[in-house]
């Protein structure tokens, strides 16, 4: 059958006469067109459900490749600088050890109290109170609070604070409170201050 004859036969086809239950009786031209449409539908569905899934997998692999390259680059940099890191760790250990030596041990706390008292008396102050408060445990260190109340002139108090800050052991000063020592004079002041020293907590926080 020629193309012209096929086209002529298509013009004579009434779609209402086509029986879906008996495809074999359809005209040849209709069968060809139906087969072509079916092929296009199958290819479209194949792309939809198969090729798109492959495209998604490909995108995932490409992203994974980028991530792996970044990880490789980072690890390669770390490996190239490993010796430098080791040297830095050694320096940090030395510095950390030097800092630990500035933290008093339990047996050194009485001596630290004597140093603070000596510094205050040497500055011309009168001590009203100096006492240890309960320890405060942190993750890497333990705070040893010391409550101090002294009376003296402003200049003497400043000398005392400077002297405590210059002690060989680490001592920090907090919660300053200055008031006149009496109503009759303003030349002397009463200072309440919280001093904190520290010791290394080698056991961590106890839970």
N, C-alpha and C. Protein backbone atom coordinates (compact mmCIF):
# COMPACT_ATOMS: atom_id res chain seq x y z
N UNK A 1 0.86 -1.19 0.00
CA UNK A 1 0.00 0.00 0.00
C UNK A 1 0.90 1.24 0.00
N UNK A 2 0.61 2.17 -0.94
CA UNK A 2 1.42 3.38 -1.04
C UNK A 2 1.02 4.35 0.05
N UNK A 3 1.86 5.38 0.20
CA UNK A 3 1.59 6.40 1.22
C UNK A 3 0.27 7.12 0.93
N UNK A 4 0.05 7.39 -0.37
CA UNK A 4 -1.19 8.08 -0.74
C UNK A 4 -2.40 7.23 -0.38
N UNK A 5 -2.28 5.95 -0.66
CA UNK A 5 -3.41 5.06 -0.36
C UNK A 5 -3.64 4.98 1.15
N UNK A 6 -2.54 5.01 1.90
CA UNK A 6 -2.65 4.95 3.38
C UNK A 6 -3.34 6.18 3.91
N UNK A 7 -2.98 7.34 3.34
CA UNK A 7 -3.61 8.58 3.79
C UNK A 7 -5.09 8.61 3.42
N UNK A 8 -5.40 8.07 2.21
CA UNK A 8 -6.79 8.01 1.78
C UNK A 8 -7.61 7.11 2.69
N UNK A 9 -6.97 5.99 3.11
CA UNK A 9 -7.69 5.06 3.98
C UNK A 9 -7.92 5.66 5.36
N UNK A 10 -6.95 6.52 5.84
CA UNK A 10 -7.11 7.16 7.13
C UNK A 10 -8.30 8.11 7.13
N UNK A 11 -8.53 8.77 5.96
CA UNK A 11 -9.66 9.69 5.86
C UNK A 11 -10.99 8.96 5.98
N UNK A 12 -10.96 7.70 5.61
CA UNK A 12 -12.20 6.93 5.61
C UNK A 12 -12.45 6.24 6.96
N UNK A 13 -11.48 6.32 7.84
CA UNK A 13 -11.61 5.63 9.13
C UNK A 13 -12.48 6.46 10.06
N UNK A 14 -13.41 5.80 10.70
CA UNK A 14 -14.25 6.41 11.74
C UNK A 14 -13.78 5.87 13.08
N UNK A 15 -13.27 6.77 13.93
CA UNK A 15 -12.72 6.33 15.22
C UNK A 15 -13.74 5.58 16.05
N UNK A 16 -15.01 5.87 15.84
CA UNK A 16 -16.03 5.17 16.61
C UNK A 16 -16.14 3.71 16.19
N UNK A 17 -15.63 3.38 14.98
CA UNK A 17 -15.71 2.00 14.50
C UNK A 17 -14.55 1.14 14.98
N UNK A 18 -13.51 1.78 15.58
CA UNK A 18 -12.35 1.02 16.04
C UNK A 18 -12.68 0.27 17.32
N UNK A 19 -12.41 -1.02 17.34
CA UNK A 19 -12.69 -1.87 18.50
C UNK A 19 -11.39 -2.11 19.26
N UNK A 20 -11.31 -1.57 20.49
CA UNK A 20 -10.09 -1.75 21.30
C UNK A 20 -9.85 -3.21 21.66
N UNK A 21 -10.89 -3.99 21.65
CA UNK A 21 -10.74 -5.41 21.97
C UNK A 21 -10.29 -6.24 20.77
N UNK A 22 -10.26 -5.64 19.60
CA UNK A 22 -9.86 -6.36 18.39
C UNK A 22 -8.96 -5.47 17.56
N UNK A 23 -7.74 -5.20 18.11
CA UNK A 23 -6.79 -4.30 17.46
C UNK A 23 -6.36 -4.85 16.10
N UNK A 24 -6.36 -6.17 15.98
CA UNK A 24 -5.90 -6.77 14.74
C UNK A 24 -6.74 -6.42 13.54
N UNK A 25 -7.98 -6.00 13.77
CA UNK A 25 -8.87 -5.66 12.65
C UNK A 25 -8.74 -4.22 12.21
N UNK A 26 -7.88 -3.44 12.93
CA UNK A 26 -7.71 -2.04 12.56
C UNK A 26 -6.99 -1.94 11.22
N UNK A 27 -7.22 -0.86 10.50
CA UNK A 27 -6.47 -0.63 9.25
C UNK A 27 -4.98 -0.51 9.53
N UNK A 28 -4.18 -0.87 8.55
CA UNK A 28 -2.72 -0.88 8.73
C UNK A 28 -2.19 0.50 9.10
N UNK A 29 -2.71 1.54 8.46
CA UNK A 29 -2.22 2.89 8.75
C UNK A 29 -2.50 3.28 10.19
N UNK A 30 -3.67 2.89 10.70
CA UNK A 30 -4.02 3.18 12.10
C UNK A 30 -3.11 2.44 13.04
N UNK A 31 -2.79 1.17 12.66
CA UNK A 31 -1.89 0.39 13.51
C UNK A 31 -0.52 1.05 13.61
N UNK A 32 -0.03 1.55 12.45
CA UNK A 32 1.28 2.20 12.45
C UNK A 32 1.28 3.43 13.34
N UNK A 33 0.24 4.25 13.20
CA UNK A 33 0.16 5.47 14.01
C UNK A 33 0.03 5.13 15.49
N UNK A 34 -0.83 4.14 15.80
CA UNK A 34 -1.00 3.74 17.19
C UNK A 34 0.30 3.18 17.76
N UNK A 35 1.04 2.41 16.95
CA UNK A 35 2.32 1.87 17.41
C UNK A 35 3.34 2.96 17.67
N UNK A 36 3.35 3.98 16.77
CA UNK A 36 4.28 5.10 16.95
C UNK A 36 3.96 5.87 18.22
N UNK A 37 2.66 6.12 18.44
CA UNK A 37 2.25 6.83 19.67
C UNK A 37 2.61 6.02 20.92
N UNK A 38 2.41 4.69 20.82
CA UNK A 38 2.75 3.83 21.96
C UNK A 38 4.25 3.85 22.24
N UNK A 39 5.04 3.85 21.15
CA UNK A 39 6.49 3.90 21.30
C UNK A 39 6.92 5.20 21.97
N UNK A 40 6.33 6.33 21.52
CA UNK A 40 6.65 7.63 22.12
C UNK A 40 6.27 7.64 23.61
N UNK A 41 5.11 7.06 23.93
CA UNK A 41 4.67 7.00 25.33
C UNK A 41 5.62 6.17 26.18
N UNK A 42 6.04 5.02 25.63
CA UNK A 42 6.97 4.16 26.37
C UNK A 42 8.30 4.87 26.60
N UNK A 43 8.81 5.54 25.56
CA UNK A 43 10.07 6.26 25.71
C UNK A 43 9.95 7.39 26.73
N UNK A 44 8.83 8.11 26.70
CA UNK A 44 8.62 9.19 27.66
C UNK A 44 8.58 8.67 29.09
N UNK A 45 7.82 7.57 29.28
CA UNK A 45 7.76 6.98 30.62
C UNK A 45 9.11 6.43 31.05
N UNK A 46 9.84 5.86 30.08
CA UNK A 46 11.18 5.35 30.40
C UNK A 46 12.10 6.45 30.88
N UNK A 47 12.03 7.59 30.19
CA UNK A 47 12.85 8.72 30.60
C UNK A 47 12.42 9.23 31.98
N UNK A 48 11.10 9.28 32.16
CA UNK A 48 10.56 9.80 33.40
C UNK A 48 10.99 8.97 34.60
N UNK A 49 10.85 7.66 34.50
CA UNK A 49 11.06 6.80 35.67
C UNK A 49 12.45 6.19 35.74
N UNK A 50 13.19 6.21 34.65
CA UNK A 50 14.51 5.59 34.67
C UNK A 50 15.62 6.62 34.52
N UNK A 51 15.55 7.39 33.43
CA UNK A 51 16.62 8.34 33.19
C UNK A 51 16.67 9.44 34.25
N UNK A 52 15.51 9.89 34.71
CA UNK A 52 15.51 10.91 35.76
C UNK A 52 16.13 10.37 37.05
N UNK A 53 15.85 9.11 37.35
CA UNK A 53 16.44 8.49 38.54
C UNK A 53 17.96 8.41 38.39
N UNK A 54 18.42 8.06 37.18
CA UNK A 54 19.86 8.01 36.93
C UNK A 54 20.48 9.41 37.05
N UNK A 55 19.74 10.41 36.58
CA UNK A 55 20.24 11.78 36.67
C UNK A 55 20.37 12.22 38.13
N UNK A 56 19.39 11.82 38.95
CA UNK A 56 19.45 12.14 40.38
C UNK A 56 20.65 11.46 41.03
N UNK A 57 20.86 10.19 40.69
CA UNK A 57 22.02 9.46 41.23
C UNK A 57 23.33 10.11 40.79
N UNK A 58 23.37 10.54 39.51
CA UNK A 58 24.57 11.20 39.01
C UNK A 58 24.85 12.49 39.76
N UNK A 59 23.81 13.28 40.01
CA UNK A 59 23.97 14.54 40.75
C UNK A 59 24.48 14.26 42.16
N UNK A 60 23.94 13.20 42.78
CA UNK A 60 24.39 12.83 44.12
C UNK A 60 25.86 12.44 44.13
N UNK A 61 26.27 11.66 43.13
CA UNK A 61 27.67 11.23 43.04
C UNK A 61 28.59 12.41 42.78
N UNK A 62 28.12 13.35 41.95
CA UNK A 62 28.93 14.54 41.68
C UNK A 62 29.13 15.37 42.95
N UNK A 63 28.07 15.51 43.75
CA UNK A 63 28.18 16.23 45.01
C UNK A 63 29.09 15.50 45.98
N UNK A 64 28.97 14.18 45.99
CA UNK A 64 29.85 13.37 46.86
C UNK A 64 31.30 13.52 46.44
N UNK A 65 31.52 13.61 45.13
CA UNK A 65 32.88 13.79 44.62
C UNK A 65 33.47 15.11 45.10
N UNK A 66 32.65 16.18 45.05
CA UNK A 66 33.11 17.49 45.53
C UNK A 66 33.47 17.43 47.01
N UNK A 67 32.60 16.76 47.81
CA UNK A 67 32.85 16.64 49.24
C UNK A 67 34.15 15.87 49.52
N UNK A 68 34.32 14.76 48.80
CA UNK A 68 35.52 13.93 48.99
C UNK A 68 36.78 14.70 48.60
N UNK A 69 36.69 15.50 47.54
CA UNK A 69 37.84 16.29 47.12
C UNK A 69 38.20 17.31 48.20
N UNK A 70 37.17 17.93 48.80
CA UNK A 70 37.43 18.90 49.86
C UNK A 70 38.07 18.22 51.07
N UNK A 71 37.55 17.03 51.43
CA UNK A 71 38.12 16.29 52.56
C UNK A 71 39.57 15.89 52.26
N UNK A 72 39.80 15.45 51.03
CA UNK A 72 41.15 15.05 50.65
C UNK A 72 42.10 16.23 50.72
N UNK A 73 41.64 17.39 50.22
CA UNK A 73 42.47 18.58 50.24
C UNK A 73 42.80 18.99 51.67
N UNK A 74 41.77 18.92 52.56
CA UNK A 74 41.99 19.28 53.95
C UNK A 74 42.98 18.34 54.63
N UNK A 75 42.79 17.03 54.41
CA UNK A 75 43.69 16.04 55.03
C UNK A 75 45.09 16.11 54.45
N UNK A 76 45.17 16.40 53.14
CA UNK A 76 46.49 16.54 52.53
C UNK A 76 47.23 17.72 53.14
N UNK A 77 46.49 18.83 53.39
CA UNK A 77 47.10 20.01 54.01
C UNK A 77 47.57 19.68 55.43
N UNK A 78 46.72 18.95 56.18
CA UNK A 78 47.09 18.58 57.55
C UNK A 78 48.32 17.67 57.55
N UNK A 79 48.34 16.72 56.60
CA UNK A 79 49.48 15.81 56.53
C UNK A 79 50.76 16.56 56.18
N UNK A 80 50.64 17.54 55.28
CA UNK A 80 51.82 18.31 54.88
C UNK A 80 52.35 19.16 56.02
N UNK A 81 51.46 19.54 56.94
CA UNK A 81 51.86 20.41 58.06
C UNK A 81 51.91 19.64 59.39
N UNK A 82 51.97 18.32 59.30
CA UNK A 82 51.95 17.50 60.51
C UNK A 82 53.11 17.83 61.44
N UNK A 83 54.30 17.98 60.88
CA UNK A 83 55.46 18.26 61.72
C UNK A 83 55.32 19.61 62.41
N UNK A 84 54.77 20.59 61.67
CA UNK A 84 54.56 21.91 62.28
C UNK A 84 53.55 21.81 63.42
N UNK A 85 52.50 21.00 63.22
CA UNK A 85 51.51 20.81 64.29
C UNK A 85 52.15 20.16 65.52
N UNK A 86 53.01 19.19 65.28
CA UNK A 86 53.68 18.51 66.40
C UNK A 86 54.53 19.50 67.20
N UNK A 87 55.23 20.38 66.48
CA UNK A 87 56.05 21.39 67.16
C UNK A 87 55.17 22.34 67.97
N UNK A 88 54.03 22.72 67.38
CA UNK A 88 53.11 23.60 68.10
C UNK A 88 52.57 22.91 69.35
N UNK A 89 52.27 21.62 69.26
CA UNK A 89 51.78 20.87 70.42
C UNK A 89 52.84 20.85 71.52
N UNK A 90 54.10 20.65 71.15
CA UNK A 90 55.18 20.64 72.14
C UNK A 90 55.27 22.00 72.83
N UNK A 91 55.18 23.07 72.03
CA UNK A 91 55.24 24.42 72.61
C UNK A 91 54.07 24.67 73.54
N UNK A 92 52.87 24.18 73.14
CA UNK A 92 51.69 24.36 73.98
C UNK A 92 51.83 23.58 75.28
N UNK A 93 52.40 22.38 75.21
CA UNK A 93 52.60 21.59 76.43
C UNK A 93 53.55 22.29 77.38
N UNK A 94 54.62 22.88 76.82
CA UNK A 94 55.57 23.61 77.66
C UNK A 94 54.88 24.82 78.31
N UNK A 95 54.11 25.57 77.49
CA UNK A 95 53.41 26.75 78.02
C UNK A 95 52.38 26.34 79.07
N UNK A 96 51.67 25.24 78.80
CA UNK A 96 50.67 24.76 79.76
C UNK A 96 51.32 24.35 81.06
N UNK A 97 52.47 23.69 80.95
CA UNK A 97 53.19 23.29 82.16
C UNK A 97 53.64 24.49 82.96
N UNK A 98 54.08 25.54 82.26
CA UNK A 98 54.51 26.75 82.95
C UNK A 98 53.34 27.42 83.67
N UNK A 99 52.16 27.41 83.04
CA UNK A 99 50.97 27.98 83.68
C UNK A 99 50.57 27.16 84.90
N UNK A 100 50.65 25.82 84.77
CA UNK A 100 50.27 24.97 85.90
C UNK A 100 51.17 25.24 87.12
N UNK A 101 52.43 25.57 86.86
CA UNK A 101 53.34 25.84 87.96
C UNK A 101 52.94 27.10 88.73
N UNK A 102 52.15 27.97 88.08
CA UNK A 102 51.69 29.18 88.76
C UNK A 102 50.42 28.94 89.58
N UNK A 103 49.84 27.76 89.44
CA UNK A 103 48.65 27.44 90.23
C UNK A 103 49.08 26.78 91.53
N UNK A 104 48.63 27.27 92.67
CA UNK A 104 49.06 26.70 93.94
C UNK A 104 48.47 25.31 94.16
N UNK A 105 49.23 24.47 94.81
CA UNK A 105 48.70 23.18 95.24
C UNK A 105 47.99 23.38 96.58
N UNK A 106 47.35 22.33 97.07
CA UNK A 106 46.63 22.44 98.35
C UNK A 106 47.56 22.92 99.46
N UNK A 107 48.78 22.39 99.47
CA UNK A 107 49.70 22.70 100.58
C UNK A 107 50.25 24.11 100.48
N UNK A 108 50.13 24.76 99.31
CA UNK A 108 50.69 26.09 99.13
C UNK A 108 49.69 27.20 99.46
N UNK A 109 48.41 26.86 99.66
CA UNK A 109 47.40 27.88 99.91
C UNK A 109 47.69 28.66 101.19
N UNK A 110 48.05 28.03 102.30
CA UNK A 110 48.40 28.83 103.50
C UNK A 110 49.52 29.82 103.23
N UNK A 111 50.50 29.39 102.45
CA UNK A 111 51.59 30.30 102.12
C UNK A 111 51.11 31.47 101.28
N UNK A 112 50.14 31.21 100.39
CA UNK A 112 49.57 32.28 99.57
C UNK A 112 48.82 33.28 100.45
N UNK A 113 48.09 32.77 101.45
CA UNK A 113 47.39 33.66 102.38
C UNK A 113 48.39 34.54 103.13
N UNK A 114 49.52 33.95 103.51
CA UNK A 114 50.55 34.73 104.21
C UNK A 114 51.11 35.82 103.29
N UNK A 115 51.29 35.47 101.99
CA UNK A 115 51.82 36.46 101.05
C UNK A 115 50.83 37.62 100.89
N UNK A 116 49.53 37.30 100.81
CA UNK A 116 48.53 38.35 100.67
C UNK A 116 48.50 39.22 101.92
N UNK A 117 48.56 38.58 103.10
CA UNK A 117 48.56 39.33 104.36
C UNK A 117 49.79 40.22 104.47
N UNK A 118 50.95 39.67 104.08
CA UNK A 118 52.19 40.44 104.15
C UNK A 118 52.14 41.64 103.20
N UNK A 119 51.56 41.40 102.01
CA UNK A 119 51.45 42.50 101.04
C UNK A 119 50.55 43.61 101.58
N UNK A 120 49.43 43.21 102.22
CA UNK A 120 48.52 44.21 102.79
C UNK A 120 49.16 45.00 103.92
N UNK A 121 49.82 44.29 104.83
CA UNK A 121 50.45 44.98 105.95
C UNK A 121 51.58 45.88 105.47
N UNK A 122 52.30 45.40 104.44
CA UNK A 122 53.38 46.22 103.88
C UNK A 122 52.86 47.45 103.18
N UNK A 123 51.60 47.42 102.75
CA UNK A 123 50.99 48.59 102.10
C UNK A 123 50.36 49.52 103.11
N UNK A 124 50.45 49.18 104.41
CA UNK A 124 49.91 50.04 105.46
C UNK A 124 48.44 49.82 105.72
N UNK A 125 47.91 48.63 105.36
CA UNK A 125 46.49 48.36 105.56
C UNK A 125 46.26 47.63 106.87
N UNK A 126 45.03 47.74 107.33
CA UNK A 126 44.57 47.01 108.52
C UNK A 126 43.58 45.94 108.05
N UNK A 127 43.85 44.69 108.36
CA UNK A 127 42.97 43.59 107.94
C UNK A 127 41.83 43.41 108.93
N UNK A 128 40.62 43.42 108.41
CA UNK A 128 39.46 43.08 109.22
C UNK A 128 39.05 41.63 109.02
N UNK A 129 39.33 41.10 107.83
CA UNK A 129 38.93 39.72 107.54
C UNK A 129 39.73 39.20 106.35
N UNK A 130 40.15 37.97 106.45
CA UNK A 130 40.72 37.24 105.32
C UNK A 130 40.41 35.76 105.56
N UNK A 131 39.58 35.19 104.72
CA UNK A 131 39.17 33.81 104.95
C UNK A 131 38.92 33.09 103.62
N UNK A 132 39.15 31.80 103.66
CA UNK A 132 38.89 30.97 102.48
C UNK A 132 37.40 30.65 102.39
N UNK A 133 36.85 30.72 101.19
CA UNK A 133 35.46 30.34 100.93
C UNK A 133 35.44 28.96 100.27
N UNK A 134 34.28 28.31 100.20
CA UNK A 134 34.22 26.97 99.58
C UNK A 134 34.74 26.98 98.14
N UNK A 135 35.42 25.91 97.78
CA UNK A 135 35.98 25.79 96.43
C UNK A 135 34.86 25.68 95.39
N UNK A 136 35.16 26.13 94.18
CA UNK A 136 34.24 26.02 93.05
C UNK A 136 34.93 25.20 91.97
N UNK A 137 34.37 24.04 91.66
CA UNK A 137 35.00 23.13 90.70
C UNK A 137 34.55 23.43 89.28
N UNK A 138 35.52 23.68 88.41
CA UNK A 138 35.27 23.84 86.98
C UNK A 138 35.83 22.62 86.25
N UNK A 139 35.74 22.62 84.92
CA UNK A 139 36.13 21.43 84.17
C UNK A 139 37.63 21.15 84.29
N UNK A 140 38.46 22.18 84.14
CA UNK A 140 39.90 21.95 84.12
C UNK A 140 40.62 22.54 85.33
N UNK A 141 39.92 23.29 86.16
CA UNK A 141 40.57 23.90 87.30
C UNK A 141 39.57 24.05 88.45
N UNK A 142 40.10 24.36 89.61
CA UNK A 142 39.28 24.57 90.80
C UNK A 142 39.55 25.97 91.33
N UNK A 143 38.50 26.75 91.51
CA UNK A 143 38.64 28.10 92.04
C UNK A 143 38.74 28.02 93.57
N UNK A 144 39.66 28.82 94.11
CA UNK A 144 39.80 28.93 95.56
C UNK A 144 39.52 30.38 95.95
N UNK A 145 38.27 30.73 96.27
CA UNK A 145 37.93 32.12 96.60
C UNK A 145 38.44 32.50 97.99
N UNK A 146 38.90 33.74 98.10
CA UNK A 146 39.39 34.27 99.38
C UNK A 146 38.71 35.61 99.62
N UNK A 147 37.93 35.72 100.67
CA UNK A 147 37.24 36.97 101.01
C UNK A 147 38.18 37.85 101.84
N UNK A 148 38.37 39.10 101.41
CA UNK A 148 39.30 40.00 102.07
C UNK A 148 38.58 41.31 102.39
N UNK A 149 38.75 41.77 103.64
CA UNK A 149 38.25 43.09 104.04
C UNK A 149 39.40 43.83 104.72
N UNK A 150 39.75 45.00 104.17
CA UNK A 150 40.87 45.78 104.71
C UNK A 150 40.47 47.25 104.82
N UNK A 151 41.20 47.98 105.64
CA UNK A 151 40.96 49.41 105.85
C UNK A 151 42.26 50.15 105.61
N UNK A 152 42.19 51.26 104.87
CA UNK A 152 43.39 52.06 104.62
C UNK A 152 43.05 53.21 103.71
N UNK A 153 44.08 54.00 103.39
CA UNK A 153 43.88 55.12 102.48
C UNK A 153 43.74 54.61 101.05
N UNK A 154 43.26 55.49 100.18
CA UNK A 154 43.07 55.10 98.78
C UNK A 154 44.40 54.68 98.16
N UNK A 155 45.46 55.43 98.47
CA UNK A 155 46.78 55.11 97.93
C UNK A 155 47.26 53.75 98.43
N UNK A 156 47.05 53.48 99.73
CA UNK A 156 47.47 52.19 100.31
C UNK A 156 46.70 51.03 99.68
N UNK A 157 45.40 51.24 99.44
CA UNK A 157 44.60 50.19 98.82
C UNK A 157 45.07 49.89 97.40
N UNK A 158 45.40 50.97 96.66
CA UNK A 158 45.91 50.78 95.30
C UNK A 158 47.24 50.04 95.31
N UNK A 159 48.09 50.35 96.27
CA UNK A 159 49.38 49.66 96.39
C UNK A 159 49.17 48.18 96.69
N UNK A 160 48.19 47.89 97.56
CA UNK A 160 47.89 46.50 97.91
C UNK A 160 47.39 45.71 96.69
N UNK A 161 46.47 46.31 95.96
CA UNK A 161 45.92 45.62 94.77
C UNK A 161 47.04 45.34 93.77
N UNK A 162 47.92 46.32 93.55
CA UNK A 162 49.04 46.13 92.63
C UNK A 162 49.98 45.04 93.12
N UNK A 163 50.21 45.01 94.43
CA UNK A 163 51.10 44.00 94.99
C UNK A 163 50.53 42.60 94.85
N UNK A 164 49.23 42.44 95.09
CA UNK A 164 48.60 41.11 94.95
C UNK A 164 48.67 40.65 93.49
N UNK A 165 48.46 41.58 92.55
CA UNK A 165 48.52 41.21 91.14
C UNK A 165 49.93 40.82 90.72
N UNK A 166 50.93 41.25 91.48
CA UNK A 166 52.33 40.95 91.13
C UNK A 166 52.86 39.70 91.82
N UNK A 167 52.03 39.02 92.59
CA UNK A 167 52.48 37.81 93.26
C UNK A 167 52.86 36.75 92.22
N UNK A 168 53.81 35.87 92.54
CA UNK A 168 54.26 34.86 91.56
C UNK A 168 53.17 33.85 91.22
N UNK A 169 52.18 33.68 92.08
CA UNK A 169 51.07 32.78 91.79
C UNK A 169 49.91 33.57 91.19
N UNK A 170 49.10 32.91 90.37
CA UNK A 170 47.98 33.57 89.72
C UNK A 170 46.90 33.88 90.75
N UNK A 171 46.60 35.17 90.89
CA UNK A 171 45.52 35.63 91.77
C UNK A 171 44.74 36.69 91.01
N UNK A 172 43.44 36.49 90.91
CA UNK A 172 42.58 37.49 90.26
C UNK A 172 41.69 38.13 91.32
N UNK A 173 41.33 39.40 91.09
CA UNK A 173 40.56 40.16 92.08
C UNK A 173 39.20 40.52 91.49
N UNK A 174 38.14 40.36 92.29
CA UNK A 174 36.78 40.55 91.83
C UNK A 174 35.95 41.27 92.90
N UNK A 175 34.81 41.80 92.46
CA UNK A 175 33.78 42.33 93.37
C UNK A 175 34.32 43.37 94.36
N UNK A 176 34.94 44.41 93.80
CA UNK A 176 35.43 45.50 94.65
C UNK A 176 34.26 46.23 95.30
N UNK A 177 34.44 46.62 96.55
CA UNK A 177 33.44 47.44 97.23
C UNK A 177 34.18 48.40 98.16
N UNK A 178 34.08 49.68 97.87
CA UNK A 178 34.76 50.71 98.67
C UNK A 178 33.74 51.59 99.37
N UNK A 179 33.89 51.74 100.67
CA UNK A 179 33.03 52.64 101.46
C UNK A 179 33.91 53.34 102.49
N UNK A 180 33.48 54.50 102.98
CA UNK A 180 34.25 55.16 104.05
C UNK A 180 34.35 54.26 105.28
N UNK A 181 35.51 54.26 105.91
CA UNK A 181 35.71 53.42 107.08
C UNK A 181 34.86 53.87 108.26
N UNK A 182 34.56 55.17 108.34
CA UNK A 182 33.71 55.70 109.41
C UNK A 182 33.05 56.97 108.92
N UNK A 183 32.05 57.43 109.66
CA UNK A 183 31.33 58.66 109.29
C UNK A 183 32.15 59.90 109.60
N UNK A 184 33.14 59.75 110.48
CA UNK A 184 33.90 60.92 110.94
C UNK A 184 34.99 61.33 109.97
N UNK A 185 35.45 60.40 109.10
CA UNK A 185 36.56 60.73 108.20
C UNK A 185 36.37 60.04 106.86
N UNK A 186 36.89 60.71 105.85
CA UNK A 186 36.84 60.10 104.51
C UNK A 186 38.24 59.75 104.01
N UNK A 187 39.23 59.97 104.88
CA UNK A 187 40.61 59.68 104.46
C UNK A 187 40.88 58.18 104.42
N UNK A 188 40.15 57.44 105.26
CA UNK A 188 40.33 55.99 105.25
C UNK A 188 39.09 55.31 104.68
N UNK A 189 39.35 54.27 103.89
CA UNK A 189 38.28 53.53 103.22
C UNK A 189 38.31 52.07 103.64
N UNK A 190 37.12 51.49 103.63
CA UNK A 190 37.03 50.04 103.88
C UNK A 190 36.78 49.36 102.52
N UNK A 191 37.66 48.44 102.19
CA UNK A 191 37.53 47.73 100.91
C UNK A 191 37.22 46.26 101.16
N UNK A 192 36.13 45.81 100.50
CA UNK A 192 35.81 44.38 100.49
C UNK A 192 36.10 43.87 99.09
N UNK A 193 36.84 42.81 99.00
CA UNK A 193 37.25 42.31 97.69
C UNK A 193 37.32 40.79 97.73
N UNK A 194 37.02 40.17 96.61
CA UNK A 194 37.09 38.71 96.50
C UNK A 194 38.28 38.36 95.63
N UNK A 195 39.25 37.70 96.24
CA UNK A 195 40.41 37.23 95.49
C UNK A 195 40.20 35.77 95.12
N UNK A 196 40.64 35.40 93.93
CA UNK A 196 40.51 34.01 93.49
C UNK A 196 41.86 33.50 93.02
N UNK A 197 42.25 32.38 93.55
CA UNK A 197 43.41 31.68 93.02
C UNK A 197 42.91 30.33 92.51
N UNK A 198 43.76 29.60 91.85
CA UNK A 198 43.29 28.41 91.13
C UNK A 198 44.29 27.28 91.29
N UNK A 199 43.75 26.06 91.20
CA UNK A 199 44.62 24.89 91.10
C UNK A 199 44.05 23.96 90.04
N UNK A 200 44.94 23.18 89.47
CA UNK A 200 44.58 22.32 88.36
C UNK A 200 43.65 21.19 88.82
N UNK A 201 42.61 20.95 88.05
CA UNK A 201 41.68 19.86 88.36
C UNK A 201 41.99 18.69 87.44
N UNK A 202 42.79 17.74 87.93
CA UNK A 202 43.21 16.62 87.09
C UNK A 202 42.16 15.51 87.00
N UNK A 203 41.04 15.68 87.72
CA UNK A 203 39.99 14.65 87.68
C UNK A 203 38.77 15.09 86.88
N UNK A 204 38.76 16.34 86.42
CA UNK A 204 37.58 16.84 85.70
C UNK A 204 36.43 17.08 86.66
N UNK A 205 35.30 17.46 86.10
CA UNK A 205 34.12 17.72 86.92
C UNK A 205 33.56 16.42 87.44
N UNK A 206 33.38 16.33 88.71
CA UNK A 206 32.81 15.12 89.33
C UNK A 206 31.29 15.19 89.28
N UNK A 207 30.68 14.19 88.63
CA UNK A 207 29.22 14.16 88.51
C UNK A 207 28.65 13.02 89.34
